[in-house]
PDB file of N, CA and C in Angstrom:
ATOM      1  N   MET A   1     -31.431 -19.461  -0.036  1.00  0.00           N
ATOM      2  CA  MET A   1     -30.343 -18.408   0.690  1.00  0.00           C
ATOM      3  C   MET A   1     -28.978 -19.020  -0.136  1.00  0.00           C
ATOM      4  N   LEU A   2     -28.682 -20.224  -0.674  1.00  0.00           N
ATOM      5  CA  LEU A   2     -27.718 -20.515  -1.574  1.00  0.00           C
ATOM      6  C   LEU A   2     -27.978 -19.992  -2.322  1.00  0.00           C
ATOM      7  N   ARG A   3     -28.990 -19.715  -3.141  1.00  0.00           N
ATOM      8  CA  ARG A   3     -29.132 -19.060  -4.665  1.00  0.00           C
ATOM      9  C   ARG A   3     -28.641 -17.542  -4.462  1.00  0.00           C
ATOM     10  N   ILE A   4     -28.933 -16.707  -3.252  1.00  0.00           N
ATOM     11  CA  ILE A   4     -28.362 -15.721  -3.413  1.00  0.00           C
ATOM     12  C   ILE A   4     -26.925 -15.305  -3.166  1.00  0.00           C
ATOM     13  N   ILE A   5     -26.067 -16.314  -2.350  1.00  0.00           N
ATOM     14  CA  ILE A   5     -25.027 -16.337  -2.299  1.00  0.00           C
ATOM     15  C   ILE A   5     -24.547 -16.533  -3.508  1.00  0.00           C
ATOM     16  N   LEU A   6     -24.684 -17.654  -4.312  1.00  0.00           N
ATOM     17  CA  LEU A   6     -24.335 -18.012  -5.450  1.00  0.00           C
ATOM     18  C   LEU A   6     -24.331 -16.698  -6.361  1.00  0.00           C
ATOM     19  N   PHE A   7     -25.214 -16.027  -6.226  1.00  0.00           N
ATOM     20  CA  PHE A   7     -25.351 -14.915  -7.430  1.00  0.00           C
ATOM     21  C   PHE A   7     -24.766 -13.818  -6.480  1.00  0.00           C
ATOM     22  N   ILE A   8     -24.579 -13.489  -5.815  1.00  0.00           N
ATOM     23  CA  ILE A   8     -23.632 -12.380  -5.056  1.00  0.00           C
ATOM     24  C   ILE A   8     -22.230 -12.775  -5.437  1.00  0.00           C
ATOM     25  N   ILE A   9     -21.571 -13.747  -5.370  1.00  0.00           N
ATOM     26  CA  ILE A   9     -20.092 -14.179  -5.714  1.00  0.00           C
ATOM     27  C   ILE A   9     -20.159 -14.059  -7.074  1.00  0.00           C
ATOM     28  N   GLY A  10     -21.006 -14.722  -8.082  1.00  0.00           N
ATOM     29  CA  GLY A  10     -20.909 -14.524  -9.403  1.00  0.00           C
ATOM     30  C   GLY A  10     -20.827 -13.175  -9.618  1.00  0.00           C
ATOM     31  N   TYR A  11     -21.820 -12.113  -9.459  1.00  0.00           N
ATOM     32  CA  TYR A  11     -21.703 -11.302  -9.771  1.00  0.00           C
ATOM     33  C   TYR A  11     -20.162 -10.293  -9.193  1.00  0.00           C
ATOM     34  N   ILE A  12     -19.586 -10.556  -8.040  1.00  0.00           N
ATOM     35  CA  ILE A  12     -18.155 -10.262  -7.651  1.00  0.00           C
ATOM     36  C   ILE A  12     -17.351 -10.652  -8.582  1.00  0.00           C
ATOM     37  N   PHE A  13     -17.211 -11.838  -8.902  1.00  0.00           N
ATOM     38  CA  PHE A  13     -16.469 -12.330  -9.760  1.00  0.00           C
ATOM     39  C   PHE A  13     -16.102 -11.949 -11.148  1.00  0.00           C
ATOM     40  N   SER A  14     -17.792 -11.887 -11.738  1.00  0.00           N
ATOM     41  CA  SER A  14     -17.965 -11.119 -13.021  1.00  0.00           C
ATOM     42  C   SER A  14     -17.379  -9.779 -13.089  1.00  0.00           C
ATOM     43  N   VAL A  15     -17.689  -9.007 -12.224  1.00  0.00           N
ATOM     44  CA  VAL A  15     -17.338  -7.759 -12.306  1.00  0.00           C
ATOM     45  C   VAL A  15     -15.539  -7.522 -11.944  1.00  0.00           C
ATOM     46  N   ILE A  16     -15.012  -8.054 -11.307  1.00  0.00           N
ATOM     47  CA  ILE A  16     -13.502  -8.256 -10.979  1.00  0.00           C
ATOM     48  C   ILE A  16     -12.941  -8.562 -12.544  1.00  0.00           C
ATOM     49  N   GLY A  17     -13.615  -9.753 -13.278  1.00  0.00           N
ATOM     50  CA  GLY A  17     -13.085  -9.968 -14.658  1.00  0.00           C
ATOM     51  C   GLY A  17     -13.268  -9.308 -15.375  1.00  0.00           C
ATOM     52  N   LEU A  18     -14.470  -8.404 -15.434  1.00  0.00           N
ATOM     53  CA  LEU A  18     -14.575  -7.680 -16.618  1.00  0.00           C
ATOM     54  C   LEU A  18     -13.575  -6.186 -16.229  1.00  0.00           C
ATOM     55  N   PHE A  19     -13.613  -5.931 -15.194  1.00  0.00           N
ATOM     56  CA  PHE A  19     -12.729  -4.650 -14.892  1.00  0.00           C
ATOM     57  C   PHE A  19     -11.345  -5.265 -15.456  1.00  0.00           C
ATOM     58  N   PHE A  20     -10.721  -5.986 -14.988  1.00  0.00           N
ATOM     59  CA  PHE A  20      -9.644  -6.616 -15.882  1.00  0.00           C
ATOM     60  C   PHE A  20      -9.382  -6.410 -17.154  1.00  0.00           C
ATOM     61  N   ILE A  21     -10.532  -6.816 -17.821  1.00  0.00           N
ATOM     62  CA  ILE A  21     -10.632  -6.982 -18.847  1.00  0.00           C
ATOM     63  C   ILE A  21     -10.166  -5.771 -19.650  1.00  0.00           C
ATOM     64  N   PHE A  22     -11.574  -4.731 -19.343  1.00  0.00           N
ATOM     65  CA  PHE A  22     -10.931  -3.544 -19.846  1.00  0.00           C
ATOM     66  C   PHE A  22      -9.977  -2.896 -19.478  1.00  0.00           C
ATOM     67  N   LEU A  23      -9.065  -3.169 -18.227  1.00  0.00           N
ATOM     68  CA  LEU A  23      -8.057  -2.540 -17.634  1.00  0.00           C
ATOM     69  C   LEU A  23      -6.736  -2.956 -18.925  1.00  0.00           C
ATOM     70  N   TYR A  24      -7.242  -4.103 -19.284  1.00  0.00           N
ATOM     71  CA  TYR A  24      -6.032  -4.579 -20.034  1.00  0.00           C
ATOM     72  C   TYR A  24      -6.040  -4.116 -21.858  1.00  0.00           C
ATOM     73  N   LEU A  25      -7.399  -3.001 -22.018  1.00  0.00           N
ATOM     74  CA  LEU A  25      -7.522  -2.722 -23.192  1.00  0.00           C
ATOM     75  C   LEU A  25      -6.606  -1.601 -23.253  1.00  0.00           C
ATOM     76  N   ASN A  26      -5.648  -0.982 -22.433  1.00  0.00           N
ATOM     77  CA  ASN A  26      -4.618  -0.380 -22.421  1.00  0.00           C
ATOM     78  C   ASN A  26      -3.411  -1.159 -23.201  1.00  0.00           C
ATOM     79  N   LEU A  27      -3.319  -2.377 -23.529  1.00  0.00           N
ATOM     80  CA  LEU A  27      -2.090  -3.144 -24.028  1.00  0.00           C
ATOM     81  C   LEU A  27      -2.161  -2.758 -25.579  1.00  0.00           C
ATOM     82  N   PHE A  28      -3.404  -2.254 -26.112  1.00  0.00           N
ATOM     83  CA  PHE A  28      -3.737  -1.679 -27.423  1.00  0.00           C
ATOM     84  C   PHE A  28      -2.475  -0.792 -27.725  1.00  0.00           C
ATOM     85  N   SER A  29      -2.757   0.485 -26.772  1.00  0.00           N
ATOM     86  CA  SER A  29      -1.714   1.454 -26.974  1.00  0.00           C
ATOM     87  C   SER A  29      -0.182   1.047 -27.113  1.00  0.00           C
ATOM     88  N   ILE A  30       0.196   0.285 -26.724  1.00  0.00           N
ATOM     89  CA  ILE A  30       1.604   0.116 -26.535  1.00  0.00           C
ATOM     90  C   ILE A  30       1.888  -1.007 -27.856  1.00  0.00           C
ATOM     91  N   GLY A  31       1.060  -1.138 -28.675  1.00  0.00           N
ATOM     92  CA  GLY A  31       1.331  -1.906 -29.987  1.00  0.00           C
ATOM     93  C   GLY A  31       0.732  -3.341 -29.915  1.00  0.00           C
ATOM     94  N   TYR A  32      -0.076  -3.812 -28.839  1.00  0.00           N
ATOM     95  CA  TYR A  32      -0.557  -5.254 -29.185  1.00  0.00           C
ATOM     96  C   TYR A  32      -1.645  -5.431 -30.041  1.00  0.00           C
ATOM     97  N   SER A  33      -1.423  -6.295 -31.007  1.00  0.00           N
ATOM     98  CA  SER A  33      -2.277  -6.602 -32.183  1.00  0.00           C
ATOM     99  C   SER A  33      -3.658  -7.219 -31.452  1.00  0.00           C
ATOM    100  N   PHE A  34      -5.112  -7.282 -31.880  1.00  0.00           N
ATOM    101  CA  PHE A  34      -5.834  -8.035 -31.438  1.00  0.00           C
ATOM    102  C   PHE A  34      -5.707  -8.977 -31.407  1.00  0.00           C
ATOM    103  N   LEU A  35      -5.223  -9.972 -31.890  1.00  0.00           N
ATOM    104  CA  LEU A  35      -5.077 -11.526 -31.613  1.00  0.00           C
ATOM    105  C   LEU A  35      -4.076 -11.579 -30.399  1.00  0.00           C
ATOM    106  N   GLU A  36      -3.286 -11.181 -30.133  1.00  0.00           N
ATOM    107  CA  GLU A  36      -1.977 -10.903 -29.358  1.00  0.00           C
ATOM    108  C   GLU A  36      -2.994 -10.588 -28.158  1.00  0.00           C
ATOM    109  N   PHE A  37      -3.899  -9.571 -28.084  1.00  0.00           N
ATOM    110  CA  PHE A  37      -4.583  -9.126 -27.104  1.00  0.00           C
ATOM    111  C   PHE A  37      -5.450  -9.830 -26.138  1.00  0.00           C
ATOM    112  N   VAL A  38      -6.041 -10.744 -27.331  1.00  0.00           N
ATOM    113  CA  VAL A  38      -7.228 -12.410 -27.131  1.00  0.00           C
ATOM    114  C   VAL A  38      -6.203 -13.181 -26.217  1.00  0.00           C
ATOM    115  N   TYR A  39      -5.057 -13.454 -27.195  1.00  0.00           N
ATOM    116  CA  TYR A  39      -4.389 -14.487 -26.190  1.00  0.00           C
ATOM    117  C   TYR A  39      -4.283 -14.302 -24.798  1.00  0.00           C
ATOM    118  N   PHE A  40      -4.007 -12.953 -24.859  1.00  0.00           N
ATOM    119  CA  PHE A  40      -3.248 -12.297 -23.346  1.00  0.00           C
ATOM    120  C   PHE A  40      -4.326 -12.708 -22.235  1.00  0.00           C
ATOM    121  N   ILE A  41      -5.675 -11.866 -22.902  1.00  0.00           N
ATOM    122  CA  ILE A  41      -6.704 -11.928 -22.170  1.00  0.00           C
ATOM    123  C   ILE A  41      -6.941 -13.960 -21.915  1.00  0.00           C
ATOM    124  N   ILE A  42      -7.313 -14.591 -22.703  1.00  0.00           N
ATOM    125  CA  ILE A  42      -7.513 -15.900 -22.471  1.00  0.00           C
ATOM    126  C   ILE A  42      -6.526 -16.730 -21.490  1.00  0.00           C
ATOM    127  N   ARG A  43      -5.217 -16.570 -21.743  1.00  0.00           N
ATOM    128  CA  ARG A  43      -4.218 -16.897 -20.465  1.00  0.00           C
ATOM    129  C   ARG A  43      -4.431 -16.273 -19.344  1.00  0.00           C
ATOM    130  N   SER A  44      -5.193 -15.176 -18.904  1.00  0.00           N
ATOM    131  CA  SER A  44      -5.242 -14.353 -17.732  1.00  0.00           C
ATOM    132  C   SER A  44      -6.224 -15.006 -16.796  1.00  0.00           C
ATOM    133  N   ILE A  45      -5.848 -15.262 -15.610  1.00  0.00           N
ATOM    134  CA  ILE A  45      -6.681 -15.624 -14.253  1.00  0.00           C
ATOM    135  C   ILE A  45      -8.177 -14.922 -14.301  1.00  0.00           C
ATOM    136  N   TYR A  46      -7.940 -13.623 -14.833  1.00  0.00           N
ATOM    137  CA  TYR A  46      -9.211 -12.928 -14.700  1.00  0.00           C
ATOM    138  C   TYR A  46     -10.242 -13.214 -15.697  1.00  0.00           C
ATOM    139  N   CYS A  47      -9.770 -13.569 -16.680  1.00  0.00           N
ATOM    140  CA  CYS A  47     -10.813 -14.005 -17.795  1.00  0.00           C
ATOM    141  C   CYS A  47     -11.623 -14.967 -17.293  1.00  0.00           C
ATOM    142  N   ASP A  48     -10.602 -16.105 -16.613  1.00  0.00           N
ATOM    143  CA  ASP A  48     -11.552 -17.351 -16.006  1.00  0.00           C
ATOM    144  C   ASP A  48     -12.474 -16.570 -15.004  1.00  0.00           C
ATOM    145  N   LEU A  49     -12.203 -15.874 -13.972  1.00  0.00           N
ATOM    146  CA  LEU A  49     -13.097 -15.126 -13.112  1.00  0.00           C
ATOM    147  C   LEU A  49     -14.419 -14.669 -13.626  1.00  0.00           C
ATOM    148  N   PHE A  50     -14.163 -14.074 -14.877  1.00  0.00           N
ATOM    149  CA  PHE A  50     -15.444 -13.386 -15.471  1.00  0.00           C
ATOM    150  C   PHE A  50     -16.200 -14.669 -15.920  1.00  0.00           C
ATOM    151  N   PHE A  51     -15.998 -15.879 -16.696  1.00  0.00           N
ATOM    152  CA  PHE A  51     -16.615 -16.601 -17.093  1.00  0.00           C
ATOM    153  C   PHE A  51     -17.420 -17.597 -16.015  1.00  0.00           C
ATOM    154  N   ILE A  52     -16.656 -17.945 -14.910  1.00  0.00           N
ATOM    155  CA  ILE A  52     -16.858 -18.472 -13.475  1.00  0.00           C
ATOM    156  C   ILE A  52     -18.161 -17.783 -13.010  1.00  0.00           C
ATOM    157  N   GLY A  53     -18.080 -16.431 -12.745  1.00  0.00           N
ATOM    158  CA  GLY A  53     -18.936 -15.563 -12.417  1.00  0.00           C
ATOM    159  C   GLY A  53     -20.332 -15.501 -13.204  1.00  0.00           C
ATOM    160  N   ILE A  54     -20.188 -15.608 -14.282  1.00  0.00           N
ATOM    161  CA  ILE A  54     -21.249 -15.424 -15.621  1.00  0.00           C
ATOM    162  C   ILE A  54     -22.252 -17.277 -14.985  1.00  0.00           C
ATOM    163  N   ILE A  55     -21.313 -18.259 -15.445  1.00  0.00           N
ATOM    164  CA  ILE A  55     -21.752 -19.487 -15.097  1.00  0.00           C
ATOM    165  C   ILE A  55     -22.658 -19.401 -13.451  1.00  0.00           C
ATOM    166  N   LEU A  56     -21.577 -19.113 -12.298  1.00  0.00           N
ATOM    167  CA  LEU A  56     -22.447 -18.657 -11.151  1.00  0.00           C
ATOM    168  C   LEU A  56     -24.224 -18.062 -10.855  1.00  0.00           C
ATOM    169  N   ILE A  57     -23.739 -16.655 -11.662  1.00  0.00           N
ATOM    170  CA  ILE A  57     -25.198 -15.886 -11.791  1.00  0.00           C
ATOM    171  C   ILE A  57     -26.330 -17.122 -12.598  1.00  0.00           C
ATOM    172  N   ILE A  58     -25.864 -17.783 -13.640  1.00  0.00           N
ATOM    173  CA  ILE A  58     -26.908 -18.502 -14.530  1.00  0.00           C
ATOM    174  C   ILE A  58     -27.348 -19.609 -13.525  1.00  0.00           C
ATOM    175  N   LEU A  59     -26.695 -20.302 -12.508  1.00  0.00           N
ATOM    176  CA  LEU A  59     -26.862 -21.287 -11.896  1.00  0.00           C
ATOM    177  C   LEU A  59     -27.903 -21.157 -10.726  1.00  0.00           C
ATOM    178  N   ALA A  60     -27.798 -19.619 -10.241  1.00  0.00           N
ATOM    179  CA  ALA A  60     -28.186 -18.922  -9.252  1.00  0.00           C
ATOM    180  C   ALA A  60     -29.741 -18.569  -9.825  1.00  0.00           C
ATOM    181  N   LEU A  61     -30.053 -18.589 -10.896  1.00  0.00           N
ATOM    182  CA  LEU A  61     -31.102 -17.693 -11.492  1.00  0.00           C
ATOM    183  C   LEU A  61     -31.642 -18.866 -12.183  1.00  0.00           C
ATOM    184  N   ARG A  62     -31.369 -20.253 -12.241  1.00  0.00           N
ATOM    185  CA  ARG A  62     -32.029 -21.239 -13.016  1.00  0.00           C
ATOM    186  C   ARG A  62     -33.186 -21.636 -11.986  1.00  0.00           C
ATOM    187  N   ARG A  63     -34.447 -21.994 -12.473  1.00  0.00           N
ATOM    188  CA  ARG A  63     -35.458 -22.585 -11.432  1.00  0.00           C
ATOM    189  C   ARG A  63     -35.994 -23.736 -11.936  1.00  0.00           C
ATOM    190  N   LYS A  64     -36.753 -24.744 -11.124  1.00  0.00           N
ATOM    191  CA  LYS A  64     -37.224 -25.661 -11.913  1.00  0.00           C
ATOM    192  C   LYS A  64     -38.969 -25.745 -11.585  1.00  0.00           C
ATOM    193  N   HIS A  65     -39.018 -26.059 -12.655  1.00  0.00           N
ATOM    194  CA  HIS A  65     -40.813 -25.857 -12.366  1.00  0.00           C
ATOM    195  C   HIS A  65     -41.286 -27.095 -13.622  1.00  0.00           C
ATOM    196  N   ASN A  66     -42.101 -28.118 -12.586  1.00  0.00           N
ATOM    197  CA  ASN A  66     -42.463 -29.352 -12.805  1.00  0.00           C
ATOM    198  C   ASN A  66     -41.613 -30.069 -13.747  1.00  0.00           C
ATOM    199  N   GLY A  67     -40.528 -30.241 -13.343  1.00  0.00           N
ATOM    200  CA  GLY A  67     -39.594 -31.105 -14.060  1.00  0.00           C
ATOM    201  C   GLY A  67     -38.902 -30.347 -14.974  1.00  0.00           C
ATOM    202  N   LEU A  68     -39.482 -29.188 -15.740  1.00  0.00           N
ATOM    203  CA  LEU A  68     -38.761 -28.386 -16.643  1.00  0.00           C
ATOM    204  C   LEU A  68     -37.907 -27.398 -16.260  1.00  0.00           C
ATOM    205  N   LEU A  69     -36.633 -27.092 -16.921  1.00  0.00           N
ATOM    206  CA  LEU A  69     -35.970 -26.042 -16.492  1.00  0.00           C
ATOM    207  C   LEU A  69     -36.540 -24.720 -17.199  1.00  0.00           C
ATOM    208  N   LEU A  70     -36.738 -23.599 -16.647  1.00  0.00           N
ATOM    209  CA  LEU A  70     -36.871 -22.851 -17.260  1.00  0.00           C
ATOM    210  C   LEU A  70     -36.173 -21.578 -17.458  1.00  0.00           C
TER     211      LEU A  70
END
């Protein structure tokens, strides 16, 4: 049950984070360079949500089998 909740929360976080990263692509149209865009995305909390969501999904899908991680 915990794995399902972790997966759902991770999925929601990653979707929200990726949505805002795509939304910020409009910064190119107002003259931001690629490095300025990357710097802006890294400082944004939504980028953190994306990576936290990916980590939660990996944790939810990880399983043990005879002491080995698969």
